[in-house]
Amino acid sequence: GLASLFELAHGALAALRPVIEGLDVDTVTLRRNLIREDVGADAGQS
C-alpha cells in the first residue's frame, strides 16, 4: 500500500508539472475579482 501511494504521488506530480509550468495567471483579473467579491486584493487571502 505504501509503495502504491508513493507511485501515485510521483505519477500525479509528474503529470502536473507541465500543467503548473504552463499555468498563466491573470493577476489583474484575479485582483479585480477579489475586490469585487469584497475579500480584499491579496490572493493570499484564500
All heavy atoms as atom14 arrays in JSON, in Angstrom:
{
  "sequence": "GLASLFELAHGALAALRPVIEGLDVDTVTLRRNLIREDVGADAGQS",
  "atom14_mask": [
    [1, 1, 1, 1, 0, 0, 0, 0, 0, 0, 0, 0, 0, 0],
    [1, 1, 1, 1, 1, 1, 1, 1, 0, 0, 0, 0, 0, 0],
    [1, 1, 1, 1, 1, 0, 0, 0, 0, 0, 0, 0, 0, 0],
    [1, 1, 1, 1, 1, 1, 0, 0, 0, 0, 0, 0, 0, 0],
    [1, 1, 1, 1, 1, 1, 1, 1, 0, 0, 0, 0, 0, 0],
    [1, 1, 1, 1, 1, 1, 1, 1, 1, 1, 1, 0, 0, 0],
    [1, 1, 1, 1, 1, 1, 1, 1, 1, 0, 0, 0, 0, 0],
    [1, 1, 1, 1, 1, 1, 1, 1, 0, 0, 0, 0, 0, 0],
    [1, 1, 1, 1, 1, 0, 0, 0, 0, 0, 0, 0, 0, 0],
    [1, 1, 1, 1, 1, 1, 1, 1, 1, 1, 0, 0, 0, 0],
    [1, 1, 1, 1, 0, 0, 0, 0, 0, 0, 0, 0, 0, 0],
    [1, 1, 1, 1, 1, 0, 0, 0, 0, 0, 0, 0, 0, 0],
    [1, 1, 1, 1, 1, 1, 1, 1, 0, 0, 0, 0, 0, 0],
    [1, 1, 1, 1, 1, 0, 0, 0, 0, 0, 0, 0, 0, 0],
    [1, 1, 1, 1, 1, 0, 0, 0, 0, 0, 0, 0, 0, 0],
    [1, 1, 1, 1, 1, 1, 1, 1, 0, 0, 0, 0, 0, 0],
    [1, 1, 1, 1, 1, 1, 1, 1, 1, 1, 1, 0, 0, 0],
    [1, 1, 1, 1, 1, 1, 1, 0, 0, 0, 0, 0, 0, 0],
    [1, 1, 1, 1, 1, 1, 1, 0, 0, 0, 0, 0, 0, 0],
    [1, 1, 1, 1, 1, 1, 1, 1, 0, 0, 0, 0, 0, 0],
    [1, 1, 1, 1, 1, 1, 1, 1, 1, 0, 0, 0, 0, 0],
    [1, 1, 1, 1, 0, 0, 0, 0, 0, 0, 0, 0, 0, 0],
    [1, 1, 1, 1, 1, 1, 1, 1, 0, 0, 0, 0, 0, 0],
    [1, 1, 1, 1, 1, 1, 1, 1, 0, 0, 0, 0, 0, 0],
    [1, 1, 1, 1, 1, 1, 1, 0, 0, 0, 0, 0, 0, 0],
    [1, 1, 1, 1, 1, 1, 1, 1, 0, 0, 0, 0, 0, 0],
    [1, 1, 1, 1, 1, 1, 1, 0, 0, 0, 0, 0, 0, 0],
    [1, 1, 1, 1, 1, 1, 1, 0, 0, 0, 0, 0, 0, 0],
    [1, 1, 1, 1, 1, 1, 1, 0, 0, 0, 0, 0, 0, 0],
    [1, 1, 1, 1, 1, 1, 1, 1, 0, 0, 0, 0, 0, 0],
    [1, 1, 1, 1, 1, 1, 1, 1, 1, 1, 1, 0, 0, 0],
    [1, 1, 1, 1, 1, 1, 1, 1, 1, 1, 1, 0, 0, 0],
    [1, 1, 1, 1, 1, 1, 1, 1, 0, 0, 0, 0, 0, 0],
    [1, 1, 1, 1, 1, 1, 1, 1, 0, 0, 0, 0, 0, 0],
    [1, 1, 1, 1, 1, 1, 1, 1, 0, 0, 0, 0, 0, 0],
    [1, 1, 1, 1, 1, 1, 1, 1, 1, 1, 1, 0, 0, 0],
    [1, 1, 1, 1, 1, 1, 1, 1, 1, 0, 0, 0, 0, 0],
    [1, 1, 1, 1, 1, 1, 1, 1, 0, 0, 0, 0, 0, 0],
    [1, 1, 1, 1, 1, 1, 1, 0, 0, 0, 0, 0, 0, 0],
    [1, 1, 1, 1, 0, 0, 0, 0, 0, 0, 0, 0, 0, 0],
    [1, 1, 1, 1, 1, 0, 0, 0, 0, 0, 0, 0, 0, 0],
    [1, 1, 1, 1, 1, 1, 1, 1, 0, 0, 0, 0, 0, 0],
    [1, 1, 1, 1, 1, 0, 0, 0, 0, 0, 0, 0, 0, 0],
    [1, 1, 1, 1, 0, 0, 0, 0, 0, 0, 0, 0, 0, 0],
    [1, 1, 1, 1, 1, 1, 1, 1, 1, 0, 0, 0, 0, 0],
    [1, 1, 1, 1, 1, 1, 0, 0, 0, 0, 0, 0, 0, 0]
  ],
  "atom14_positions": [
    [[0.82, -1.22, 0.0], [0.0, 0.0, 0.0], [0.85, 1.25, 0.0], [0.57, 2.21, -0.73], [0.0, 0.0, 0.0], [0.0, 0.0, 0.0], [0.0, 0.0, 0.0], [0.0, 0.0, 0.0], [0.0, 0.0, 0.0], [0.0, 0.0, 0.0], [0.0, 0.0, 0.0], [0.0, 0.0, 0.0], [0.0, 0.0, 0.0], [0.0, 0.0, 0.0]],
    [[1.89, 1.27, 0.83], [2.8, 2.41, 0.86], [3.49, 2.59, -0.49], [3.62, 3.71, -0.98], [3.85, 2.23, 1.96], [3.39, 2.55, 3.37], [4.46, 2.17, 4.38], [3.04, 4.02, 3.5], [0.0, 0.0, 0.0], [0.0, 0.0, 0.0], [0.0, 0.0, 0.0], [0.0, 0.0, 0.0], [0.0, 0.0, 0.0], [0.0, 0.0, 0.0]],
    [[3.94, 1.49, -1.08], [4.59, 1.58, -2.38], [3.64, 2.16, -3.42], [4.02, 3.04, -4.21], [5.08, 0.2, -2.81], [0.0, 0.0, 0.0], [0.0, 0.0, 0.0], [0.0, 0.0, 0.0], [0.0, 0.0, 0.0], [0.0, 0.0, 0.0], [0.0, 0.0, 0.0], [0.0, 0.0, 0.0], [0.0, 0.0, 0.0], [0.0, 0.0, 0.0]],
    [[2.41, 1.72, -3.4], [1.42, 2.24, -4.36], [1.14, 3.71, -4.12], [0.99, 4.48, -5.08], [0.12, 1.43, -4.27], [0.34, 0.11, -4.71], [0.0, 0.0, 0.0], [0.0, 0.0, 0.0], [0.0, 0.0, 0.0], [0.0, 0.0, 0.0], [0.0, 0.0, 0.0], [0.0, 0.0, 0.0], [0.0, 0.0, 0.0], [0.0, 0.0, 0.0]],
    [[1.05, 4.12, -2.85], [0.83, 5.53, -2.55], [1.97, 6.4, -3.05], [1.74, 7.48, -3.62], [0.64, 5.72, -1.04], [-0.73, 5.31, -0.5], [-0.7, 5.23, 1.02], [-1.8, 6.28, -0.96], [0.0, 0.0, 0.0], [0.0, 0.0, 0.0], [0.0, 0.0, 0.0], [0.0, 0.0, 0.0], [0.0, 0.0, 0.0], [0.0, 0.0, 0.0]],
    [[3.2, 5.93, -2.87], [4.35, 6.69, -3.39], [4.32, 6.75, -4.92], [4.61, 7.79, -5.51], [5.67, 6.09, -2.9], [6.03, 6.51, -1.5], [5.98, 5.6, -0.46], [6.42, 7.81, -1.23], [6.31, 5.98, 0.83], [6.75, 8.21, 0.06], [6.69, 7.29, 1.1], [0.0, 0.0, 0.0], [0.0, 0.0, 0.0], [0.0, 0.0, 0.0]],
    [[3.97, 5.65, -5.55], [3.89, 5.64, -7.02], [2.81, 6.6, -7.51], [3.01, 7.33, -8.48], [3.59, 4.23, -7.52], [4.75, 3.27, -7.37], [4.37, 1.84, -7.65], [3.16, 1.53, -7.78], [5.28, 0.99, -7.73], [0.0, 0.0, 0.0], [0.0, 0.0, 0.0], [0.0, 0.0, 0.0], [0.0, 0.0, 0.0], [0.0, 0.0, 0.0]],
    [[1.66, 6.61, -6.85], [0.58, 7.51, -7.23], [0.98, 8.97, -7.05], [0.71, 9.82, -7.9], [-0.69, 7.21, -6.43], [-1.43, 5.94, -6.81], [-2.53, 5.65, -5.8], [-1.99, 6.04, -8.21], [0.0, 0.0, 0.0], [0.0, 0.0, 0.0], [0.0, 0.0, 0.0], [0.0, 0.0, 0.0], [0.0, 0.0, 0.0], [0.0, 0.0, 0.0]],
    [[1.63, 9.26, -5.91], [2.07, 10.64, -5.66], [3.08, 11.08, -6.71], [2.99, 12.19, -7.25], [2.65, 10.75, -4.25], [0.0, 0.0, 0.0], [0.0, 0.0, 0.0], [0.0, 0.0, 0.0], [0.0, 0.0, 0.0], [0.0, 0.0, 0.0], [0.0, 0.0, 0.0], [0.0, 0.0, 0.0], [0.0, 0.0, 0.0], [0.0, 0.0, 0.0]],
    [[4.03, 10.22, -7.01], [5.05, 10.56, -8.01], [4.39, 10.76, -9.38], [4.7, 11.72, -10.09], [6.1, 9.46, -8.09], [7.14, 9.73, -9.13], [7.02, 9.26, -10.42], [8.29, 10.44, -9.1], [8.05, 9.66, -11.13], [8.84, 10.38, -10.35], [0.0, 0.0, 0.0], [0.0, 0.0, 0.0], [0.0, 0.0, 0.0], [0.0, 0.0, 0.0]],
    [[3.5, 9.87, -9.75], [2.83, 9.99, -11.05], [1.99, 11.25, -11.15], [2.0, 11.93, -12.19], [0.0, 0.0, 0.0], [0.0, 0.0, 0.0], [0.0, 0.0, 0.0], [0.0, 0.0, 0.0], [0.0, 0.0, 0.0], [0.0, 0.0, 0.0], [0.0, 0.0, 0.0], [0.0, 0.0, 0.0], [0.0, 0.0, 0.0], [0.0, 0.0, 0.0]],
    [[1.3, 11.59, -10.07], [0.48, 12.8, -10.07], [1.34, 14.04, -10.19], [1.04, 14.96, -10.96], [-0.38, 12.87, -8.8], [0.0, 0.0, 0.0], [0.0, 0.0, 0.0], [0.0, 0.0, 0.0], [0.0, 0.0, 0.0], [0.0, 0.0, 0.0], [0.0, 0.0, 0.0], [0.0, 0.0, 0.0], [0.0, 0.0, 0.0], [0.0, 0.0, 0.0]],
    [[2.44, 14.08, -9.43], [3.33, 15.24, -9.51], [3.97, 15.36, -10.88], [4.08, 16.46, -11.43], [4.4, 15.15, -8.43], [3.92, 15.38, -7.01], [5.03, 15.05, -6.01], [3.44, 16.8, -6.83], [0.0, 0.0, 0.0], [0.0, 0.0, 0.0], [0.0, 0.0, 0.0], [0.0, 0.0, 0.0], [0.0, 0.0, 0.0], [0.0, 0.0, 0.0]],
    [[4.39, 14.24, -11.45], [4.99, 14.28, -12.79], [3.99, 14.75, -13.83], [4.33, 15.5, -14.74], [5.53, 12.89, -13.15], [0.0, 0.0, 0.0], [0.0, 0.0, 0.0], [0.0, 0.0, 0.0], [0.0, 0.0, 0.0], [0.0, 0.0, 0.0], [0.0, 0.0, 0.0], [0.0, 0.0, 0.0], [0.0, 0.0, 0.0], [0.0, 0.0, 0.0]],
    [[2.74, 14.32, -13.69], [1.71, 14.73, -14.65], [1.33, 16.19, -14.48], [0.97, 16.87, -15.46], [0.47, 13.84, -14.5], [0.0, 0.0, 0.0], [0.0, 0.0, 0.0], [0.0, 0.0, 0.0], [0.0, 0.0, 0.0], [0.0, 0.0, 0.0], [0.0, 0.0, 0.0], [0.0, 0.0, 0.0], [0.0, 0.0, 0.0], [0.0, 0.0, 0.0]],
    [[1.39, 16.7, -13.25], [1.02, 18.09, -13.0], [2.13, 19.09, -13.3], [1.86, 20.28, -13.45], [0.56, 18.26, -11.55], [-0.84, 17.74, -11.25], [-1.15, 17.89, -9.77], [-1.87, 18.46, -12.09], [0.0, 0.0, 0.0], [0.0, 0.0, 0.0], [0.0, 0.0, 0.0], [0.0, 0.0, 0.0], [0.0, 0.0, 0.0], [0.0, 0.0, 0.0]],
    [[3.35, 18.6, -13.41], [4.46, 19.52, -13.65], [4.24, 20.38, -14.91], [4.34, 21.61, -14.84], [5.77, 18.77, -13.73], [6.95, 19.68, -13.91], [8.25, 18.95, -13.89], [9.34, 19.9, -13.98], [10.58, 19.61, -13.72], [10.9, 18.39, -13.36], [11.5, 20.53, -13.83], [0.0, 0.0, 0.0], [0.0, 0.0, 0.0], [0.0, 0.0, 0.0]],
    [[3.92, 19.79, -16.06], [3.7, 20.64, -17.23], [2.46, 21.53, -17.09], [2.41, 22.63, -17.64], [3.53, 19.66, -18.39], [3.35, 18.32, -17.8], [3.87, 18.37, -16.4], [0.0, 0.0, 0.0], [0.0, 0.0, 0.0], [0.0, 0.0, 0.0], [0.0, 0.0, 0.0], [0.0, 0.0, 0.0], [0.0, 0.0, 0.0], [0.0, 0.0, 0.0]],
    [[1.48, 21.07, -16.32], [0.29, 21.9, -16.09], [0.68, 23.15, -15.31], [0.32, 24.27, -15.67], [-0.79, 21.1, -15.33], [-1.97, 21.99, -14.96], [-1.26, 19.91, -16.15], [0.0, 0.0, 0.0], [0.0, 0.0, 0.0], [0.0, 0.0, 0.0], [0.0, 0.0, 0.0], [0.0, 0.0, 0.0], [0.0, 0.0, 0.0], [0.0, 0.0, 0.0]],
    [[1.43, 22.95, -14.23], [1.84, 24.07, -13.38], [2.8, 24.99, -14.12], [2.67, 26.22, -14.05], [2.46, 23.54, -12.07], [1.38, 22.83, -11.25], [3.09, 24.66, -11.27], [1.91, 22.01, -10.1], [0.0, 0.0, 0.0], [0.0, 0.0, 0.0], [0.0, 0.0, 0.0], [0.0, 0.0, 0.0], [0.0, 0.0, 0.0], [0.0, 0.0, 0.0]],
    [[3.76, 24.4, -14.84], [4.72, 25.23, -15.57], [4.04, 26.05, -16.66], [4.49, 27.14, -16.99], [5.81, 24.35, -16.17], [6.76, 23.8, -15.12], [7.76, 22.8, -15.68], [7.57, 22.31, -16.81], [8.73, 22.5, -14.96], [0.0, 0.0, 0.0], [0.0, 0.0, 0.0], [0.0, 0.0, 0.0], [0.0, 0.0, 0.0], [0.0, 0.0, 0.0]],
    [[2.94, 25.54, -17.22], [2.24, 26.26, -18.28], [1.11, 27.13, -17.77], [0.37, 27.72, -18.56], [0.0, 0.0, 0.0], [0.0, 0.0, 0.0], [0.0, 0.0, 0.0], [0.0, 0.0, 0.0], [0.0, 0.0, 0.0], [0.0, 0.0, 0.0], [0.0, 0.0, 0.0], [0.0, 0.0, 0.0], [0.0, 0.0, 0.0], [0.0, 0.0, 0.0]],
    [[0.96, 27.22, -16.45], [-0.12, 28.0, -15.87], [0.06, 29.48, -16.16], [1.13, 30.04, -15.97], [-0.15, 27.76, -14.36], [-1.36, 28.27, -13.59], [-2.63, 27.6, -14.08], [-1.17, 28.01, -12.11], [0.0, 0.0, 0.0], [0.0, 0.0, 0.0], [0.0, 0.0, 0.0], [0.0, 0.0, 0.0], [0.0, 0.0, 0.0], [0.0, 0.0, 0.0]],
    [[-0.98, 30.08, -16.65], [-0.96, 31.5, -16.97], [-1.98, 32.19, -16.06], [-3.18, 32.04, -16.24], [-1.33, 31.71, -18.44], [-1.29, 33.16, -18.86], [-0.62, 33.96, -18.18], [-1.93, 33.49, -19.87], [0.0, 0.0, 0.0], [0.0, 0.0, 0.0], [0.0, 0.0, 0.0], [0.0, 0.0, 0.0], [0.0, 0.0, 0.0], [0.0, 0.0, 0.0]],
    [[-1.49, 32.9, -15.07], [-2.35, 33.55, -14.09], [-2.53, 35.02, -14.48], [-1.55, 35.76, -14.61], [-1.76, 33.45, -12.67], [-2.64, 34.16, -11.65], [-1.56, 32.0, -12.28], [0.0, 0.0, 0.0], [0.0, 0.0, 0.0], [0.0, 0.0, 0.0], [0.0, 0.0, 0.0], [0.0, 0.0, 0.0], [0.0, 0.0, 0.0], [0.0, 0.0, 0.0]],
    [[-3.77, 35.41, -14.66], [-4.09, 36.81, -14.98], [-4.28, 37.55, -13.66], [-5.38, 37.6, -13.09], [-5.36, 36.86, -15.82], [-5.73, 38.26, -16.27], [-5.13, 39.24, -15.77], [-6.63, 38.37, -17.12], [0.0, 0.0, 0.0], [0.0, 0.0, 0.0], [0.0, 0.0, 0.0], [0.0, 0.0, 0.0], [0.0, 0.0, 0.0], [0.0, 0.0, 0.0]],
    [[-3.19, 38.11, -13.15], [-3.21, 38.72, -11.82], [-4.12, 39.95, -11.75], [-4.71, 40.21, -10.71], [-1.79, 39.09, -11.37], [-1.2, 39.95, -12.33], [-0.93, 37.84, -11.21], [0.0, 0.0, 0.0], [0.0, 0.0, 0.0], [0.0, 0.0, 0.0], [0.0, 0.0, 0.0], [0.0, 0.0, 0.0], [0.0, 0.0, 0.0], [0.0, 0.0, 0.0]],
    [[-4.23, 40.66, -12.85], [-5.1, 41.85, -12.86], [-6.55, 41.43, -12.67], [-7.28, 41.98, -11.83], [-4.91, 42.66, -14.17], [-5.92, 43.79, -14.25], [-3.49, 43.19, -14.27], [0.0, 0.0, 0.0], [0.0, 0.0, 0.0], [0.0, 0.0, 0.0], [0.0, 0.0, 0.0], [0.0, 0.0, 0.0], [0.0, 0.0, 0.0], [0.0, 0.0, 0.0]],
    [[-6.99, 40.43, -13.42], [-8.36, 39.94, -13.29], [-8.58, 39.3, -11.94], [-9.63, 39.48, -11.32], [-8.68, 38.95, -14.42], [-8.48, 39.6, -15.67], [-10.11, 38.45, -14.33], [0.0, 0.0, 0.0], [0.0, 0.0, 0.0], [0.0, 0.0, 0.0], [0.0, 0.0, 0.0], [0.0, 0.0, 0.0], [0.0, 0.0, 0.0], [0.0, 0.0, 0.0]],
    [[-7.6, 38.55, -11.46], [-7.7, 37.92, -10.15], [-7.9, 38.98, -9.07], [-8.81, 38.88, -8.23], [-6.44, 37.1, -9.86], [-6.34, 36.44, -8.5], [-7.46, 35.44, -8.3], [-4.99, 35.77, -8.35], [0.0, 0.0, 0.0], [0.0, 0.0, 0.0], [0.0, 0.0, 0.0], [0.0, 0.0, 0.0], [0.0, 0.0, 0.0], [0.0, 0.0, 0.0]],
    [[-7.09, 40.03, -9.09], [-7.2, 41.11, -8.1], [-8.57, 41.78, -8.21], [-9.23, 42.05, -7.21], [-6.08, 42.12, -8.3], [-6.12, 43.25, -7.29], [-4.89, 44.13, -7.35], [-3.81, 43.45, -6.65], [-2.72, 42.92, -7.23], [-2.54, 43.03, -8.5], [-1.8, 42.3, -6.51], [0.0, 0.0, 0.0], [0.0, 0.0, 0.0], [0.0, 0.0, 0.0]],
    [[-9.02, 42.06, -9.44], [-10.31, 42.71, -9.64], [-11.45, 41.85, -9.09], [-12.36, 42.35, -8.43], [-10.53, 43.0, -11.14], [-11.82, 43.76, -11.42], [-12.02, 44.07, -12.89], [-12.15, 42.84, -13.65], [-11.38, 42.52, -14.71], [-10.41, 43.32, -15.1], [-11.58, 41.39, -15.35], [0.0, 0.0, 0.0], [0.0, 0.0, 0.0], [0.0, 0.0, 0.0]],
    [[-11.4, 40.56, -9.33], [-12.44, 39.66, -8.83], [-12.44, 39.58, -7.3], [-13.5, 39.52, -6.68], [-12.28, 38.27, -9.44], [-12.62, 38.23, -10.9], [-13.28, 39.13, -11.43], [-12.16, 37.19, -11.57], [0.0, 0.0, 0.0], [0.0, 0.0, 0.0], [0.0, 0.0, 0.0], [0.0, 0.0, 0.0], [0.0, 0.0, 0.0], [0.0, 0.0, 0.0]],
    [[-11.26, 39.57, -6.71], [-11.18, 39.54, -5.25], [-11.78, 40.81, -4.64], [-12.5, 40.75, -3.64], [-9.74, 39.37, -4.8], [-9.12, 37.99, -5.03], [-7.63, 38.02, -4.75], [-9.81, 36.94, -4.18], [0.0, 0.0, 0.0], [0.0, 0.0, 0.0], [0.0, 0.0, 0.0], [0.0, 0.0, 0.0], [0.0, 0.0, 0.0], [0.0, 0.0, 0.0]],
    [[-11.49, 41.95, -5.25], [-12.04, 43.21, -4.76], [-13.56, 43.23, -4.95], [-14.3, 43.61, -4.05], [-11.37, 44.41, -5.48], [-9.91, 44.51, -5.04], [-12.12, 45.7, -5.19], [-9.09, 45.46, -5.86], [0.0, 0.0, 0.0], [0.0, 0.0, 0.0], [0.0, 0.0, 0.0], [0.0, 0.0, 0.0], [0.0, 0.0, 0.0], [0.0, 0.0, 0.0]],
    [[-14.02, 42.78, -6.11], [-15.45, 42.76, -6.4], [-16.22, 41.9, -5.39], [-17.32, 42.21, -4.98], [-15.71, 42.26, -7.82], [-17.19, 42.33, -8.21], [-17.49, 41.68, -9.54], [-17.26, 40.25, -9.42], [-16.66, 39.51, -10.35], [-16.22, 40.05, -11.45], [-16.5, 38.23, -10.17], [0.0, 0.0, 0.0], [0.0, 0.0, 0.0], [0.0, 0.0, 0.0]],
    [[-15.6, 40.79, -4.99], [-16.24, 39.89, -4.03], [-16.02, 40.32, -2.58], [-16.41, 39.62, -1.66], [-15.73, 38.46, -4.24], [-16.13, 37.87, -5.57], [-17.63, 37.79, -5.75], [-18.35, 37.47, -4.77], [-18.1, 38.04, -6.87], [0.0, 0.0, 0.0], [0.0, 0.0, 0.0], [0.0, 0.0, 0.0], [0.0, 0.0, 0.0], [0.0, 0.0, 0.0]],
    [[-15.37, 41.46, -2.4], [-15.16, 42.05, -1.08], [-14.37, 41.16, -0.14], [-14.69, 41.03, 1.03], [-16.51, 42.43, -0.45], [-16.34, 43.36, 0.73], [-15.36, 44.14, 0.74], [-17.18, 43.3, 1.65], [0.0, 0.0, 0.0], [0.0, 0.0, 0.0], [0.0, 0.0, 0.0], [0.0, 0.0, 0.0], [0.0, 0.0, 0.0], [0.0, 0.0, 0.0]],
    [[-13.32, 40.53, -0.67], [-12.43, 39.75, 0.18], [-11.02, 40.32, 0.18], [-10.11, 39.71, 0.71], [-12.39, 38.25, -0.23], [-13.71, 37.59, 0.05], [-11.99, 38.1, -1.68], [0.0, 0.0, 0.0], [0.0, 0.0, 0.0], [0.0, 0.0, 0.0], [0.0, 0.0, 0.0], [0.0, 0.0, 0.0], [0.0, 0.0, 0.0], [0.0, 0.0, 0.0]],
    [[-10.85, 41.47, -0.43], [-9.54, 42.11, -0.46], [-8.87, 41.93, -1.8], [-9.4, 41.29, -2.7], [0.0, 0.0, 0.0], [0.0, 0.0, 0.0], [0.0, 0.0, 0.0], [0.0, 0.0, 0.0], [0.0, 0.0, 0.0], [0.0, 0.0, 0.0], [0.0, 0.0, 0.0], [0.0, 0.0, 0.0], [0.0, 0.0, 0.0], [0.0, 0.0, 0.0]],
    [[-7.69, 42.5, -1.93], [-6.98, 42.46, -3.2], [-5.79, 41.51, -3.17], [-5.05, 41.42, -4.12], [-6.49, 43.87, -3.55], [0.0, 0.0, 0.0], [0.0, 0.0, 0.0], [0.0, 0.0, 0.0], [0.0, 0.0, 0.0], [0.0, 0.0, 0.0], [0.0, 0.0, 0.0], [0.0, 0.0, 0.0], [0.0, 0.0, 0.0], [0.0, 0.0, 0.0]],
    [[-5.62, 40.79, -2.09], [-4.47, 39.91, -1.95], [-4.89, 38.46, -2.18], [-5.73, 37.92, -1.47], [-3.89, 40.07, -0.54], [-2.65, 39.23, -0.31], [-2.17, 38.59, -1.26], [-2.17, 39.21, 0.83], [0.0, 0.0, 0.0], [0.0, 0.0, 0.0], [0.0, 0.0, 0.0], [0.0, 0.0, 0.0], [0.0, 0.0, 0.0], [0.0, 0.0, 0.0]],
    [[-4.3, 37.82, -3.19], [-4.62, 36.42, -3.48], [-4.24, 35.51, -2.31], [-4.71, 34.38, -2.23], [-3.91, 35.96, -4.75], [0.0, 0.0, 0.0], [0.0, 0.0, 0.0], [0.0, 0.0, 0.0], [0.0, 0.0, 0.0], [0.0, 0.0, 0.0], [0.0, 0.0, 0.0], [0.0, 0.0, 0.0], [0.0, 0.0, 0.0], [0.0, 0.0, 0.0]],
    [[-3.4, 35.99, -1.42], [-3.03, 35.23, -0.24], [-4.15, 35.1, 0.77], [-4.02, 34.43, 1.78], [0.0, 0.0, 0.0], [0.0, 0.0, 0.0], [0.0, 0.0, 0.0], [0.0, 0.0, 0.0], [0.0, 0.0, 0.0], [0.0, 0.0, 0.0], [0.0, 0.0, 0.0], [0.0, 0.0, 0.0], [0.0, 0.0, 0.0], [0.0, 0.0, 0.0]],
    [[-5.27, 35.75, 0.5], [-6.41, 35.68, 1.4], [-7.33, 34.51, 1.07], [-8.54, 34.57, 1.26], [-7.19, 37.0, 1.34], [-6.42, 38.18, 1.88], [-7.25, 39.45, 1.85], [-8.41, 39.45, 1.45], [-6.66, 40.54, 2.28], [0.0, 0.0, 0.0], [0.0, 0.0, 0.0], [0.0, 0.0, 0.0], [0.0, 0.0, 0.0], [0.0, 0.0, 0.0]],
    [[-6.75, 33.43, 0.57], [-7.57, 32.29, 0.16], [-8.38, 31.73, 1.32], [-9.48, 31.22, 1.13], [-6.71, 31.21, -0.46], [-5.72, 30.79, 0.44], [0.0, 0.0, 0.0], [0.0, 0.0, 0.0], [0.0, 0.0, 0.0], [0.0, 0.0, 0.0], [0.0, 0.0, 0.0], [0.0, 0.0, 0.0], [0.0, 0.0, 0.0], [0.0, 0.0, 0.0]]
  ]
}
